[in-house]
Every structure is written in C-alpha cells, then in structure tokens.
Protein backbone atom coordinates (compact mmCIF):
# COMPACT_ATOMS: atom_id res chain seq x y z
CA UNK A 1 0.03 -0.02 0.00
CA UNK A 2 1.91 2.95 -1.27
CA UNK A 3 1.96 6.03 0.99
CA UNK A 4 1.05 9.01 -1.20
CA UNK A 5 1.28 11.90 1.30
CA UNK A 6 1.34 12.50 4.99
CA UNK A 7 0.43 15.71 6.90
CA UNK A 8 -0.92 16.73 10.31
CA UNK A 9 -0.92 13.13 11.53
CA UNK A 10 -2.99 11.99 8.41
CA UNK A 11 -1.59 9.33 6.21
CA UNK A 12 -2.86 9.12 2.59
CA UNK A 13 -2.38 5.94 0.58
CA UNK A 14 -3.67 3.75 -2.23
CA UNK A 15 -3.89 -0.03 -2.72
CA UNK A 16 -2.71 -1.81 -5.74
CA UNK A 17 -5.33 -3.58 -7.94
CA UNK A 18 -8.35 -1.75 -6.31
CA UNK A 19 -11.94 -1.54 -7.67
CA UNK A 20 -13.51 1.38 -9.17
CA UNK A 21 -14.53 4.17 -8.55
CA UNK A 22 -11.14 5.78 -8.13
CA UNK A 23 -10.50 6.46 -4.55
CA UNK A 24 -7.75 6.75 -1.83
CA UNK A 25 -7.55 6.02 1.86
CA UNK A 26 -6.96 8.47 4.63
CA UNK A 27 -5.93 7.17 8.19
CA UNK A 28 -5.82 9.24 11.25
CA UNK A 29 -5.14 7.50 14.66
CA UNK A 30 -7.73 4.69 14.90
CA UNK A 31 -9.93 6.22 12.10
CA UNK A 32 -9.70 5.11 8.41
CA UNK A 33 -11.86 6.12 5.37
CA UNK A 34 -11.94 5.54 1.68
CA UNK A 35 -12.47 8.78 -0.19
CA UNK A 36 -13.72 9.20 -3.78
CA UNK A 37 -11.31 11.06 -5.98
CA UNK A 38 -14.08 12.34 -8.17
CA UNK A 39 -16.63 13.49 -5.55
CA UNK A 40 -14.52 13.64 -2.35
CA UNK A 41 -17.24 11.80 -0.58
CA UNK A 42 -16.63 9.04 1.95
CA UNK A 43 -16.96 5.64 0.22
CA UNK A 44 -16.33 3.48 3.40
CA UNK A 45 -15.14 4.10 6.93
CA UNK A 46 -15.13 7.25 9.06
CA UNK A 47 -12.94 10.14 9.88
CA UNK A 48 -13.61 12.95 12.49
CA UNK A 49 -15.29 15.92 10.71
CA UNK A 50 -12.28 18.24 11.08
CA UNK A 51 -9.87 15.62 9.76
CA UNK A 52 -12.24 14.88 6.84
CA UNK A 53 -12.47 18.59 5.95
CA UNK A 54 -8.65 18.76 5.85
CA UNK A 55 -8.43 15.64 3.68
CA UNK A 56 -11.08 17.00 1.29
CA UNK A 57 -9.25 20.42 1.12
CA UNK A 58 -6.02 18.56 0.28
CA UNK A 59 -7.71 16.24 -2.21
CA UNK A 60 -9.36 19.20 -3.93
CA UNK A 61 -5.98 20.82 -4.47
CA UNK A 62 -4.47 17.61 -5.88
CA UNK A 63 -7.21 15.87 -7.69
CA UNK A 64 -5.43 15.58 -11.03
CA UNK A 65 -2.39 14.04 -9.22
CA UNK A 66 -4.64 11.67 -7.36
CA UNK A 67 -6.26 10.44 -10.64
CA UNK A 68 -2.82 10.08 -12.31
CA UNK A 69 -1.60 8.01 -9.35
CA UNK A 70 -4.77 5.92 -9.39
CA UNK A 71 -4.30 5.16 -13.08
CA UNK A 72 -0.60 4.47 -12.76
CA UNK A 73 -0.91 2.22 -9.79
CA UNK A 74 -3.60 0.20 -11.42
CA UNK A 75 -1.58 -0.04 -14.73
CA UNK A 76 2.02 -0.33 -13.68
CA UNK A 77 2.28 -0.13 -9.91
CA UNK A 78 4.16 3.14 -10.23
CA UNK A 79 3.13 6.29 -8.19
CA UNK A 80 4.32 9.69 -7.24
CA UNK A 81 4.37 11.27 -3.84
CA UNK A 82 1.94 14.22 -3.60
CA UNK A 83 2.94 17.36 -1.53
CA UNK A 84 1.19 17.66 1.90
CA UNK A 85 -1.38 20.24 2.89
CA UNK A 86 0.37 23.46 3.81
C-alpha cells in the first residue's frame, strides 16, 4: 500500500489492484476512510469531521495528481508522492 502523502498526523495511501470508482484512503489515529477522488465523498469508513475537511481540502488541491496516481498504480504499480497540505 503506497503512501502517497502525510500531513498533520494524516496518512494518505492507495492500494494496488483496487476496484472502481477511483479512491484513496486516509488514516488518522484509529480512524480510516476511503475517499472518492471524483466526488470527495466518503466511500467507506469514518474520519472525524475536522480531519475529513482537511483531507477534502487537500484532495481538491491535488485531484489531477490523485487520478494520475490511481491510473498509474492500477496499470504499472508506479506512483508519485503528492505534496502535503500546507
């Protein structure tokens, strides 16, 4: 499970060979959620509301990079790190 980014105690990652729709995972302490790259909605799991808002803010800034990583990980297993939320 490649770590894509890390900021403010939040870890962002993707799995290889995942199902559609394109999504990523955010983990914070004991919380974990799958987040849609297209809608930024929670697909599964749960995050505290403040953490979710930070993750969505970050994802909105990096949506194209997230989609590029999704496609690349599914096709070749390659990915790029994405800058953290500043």
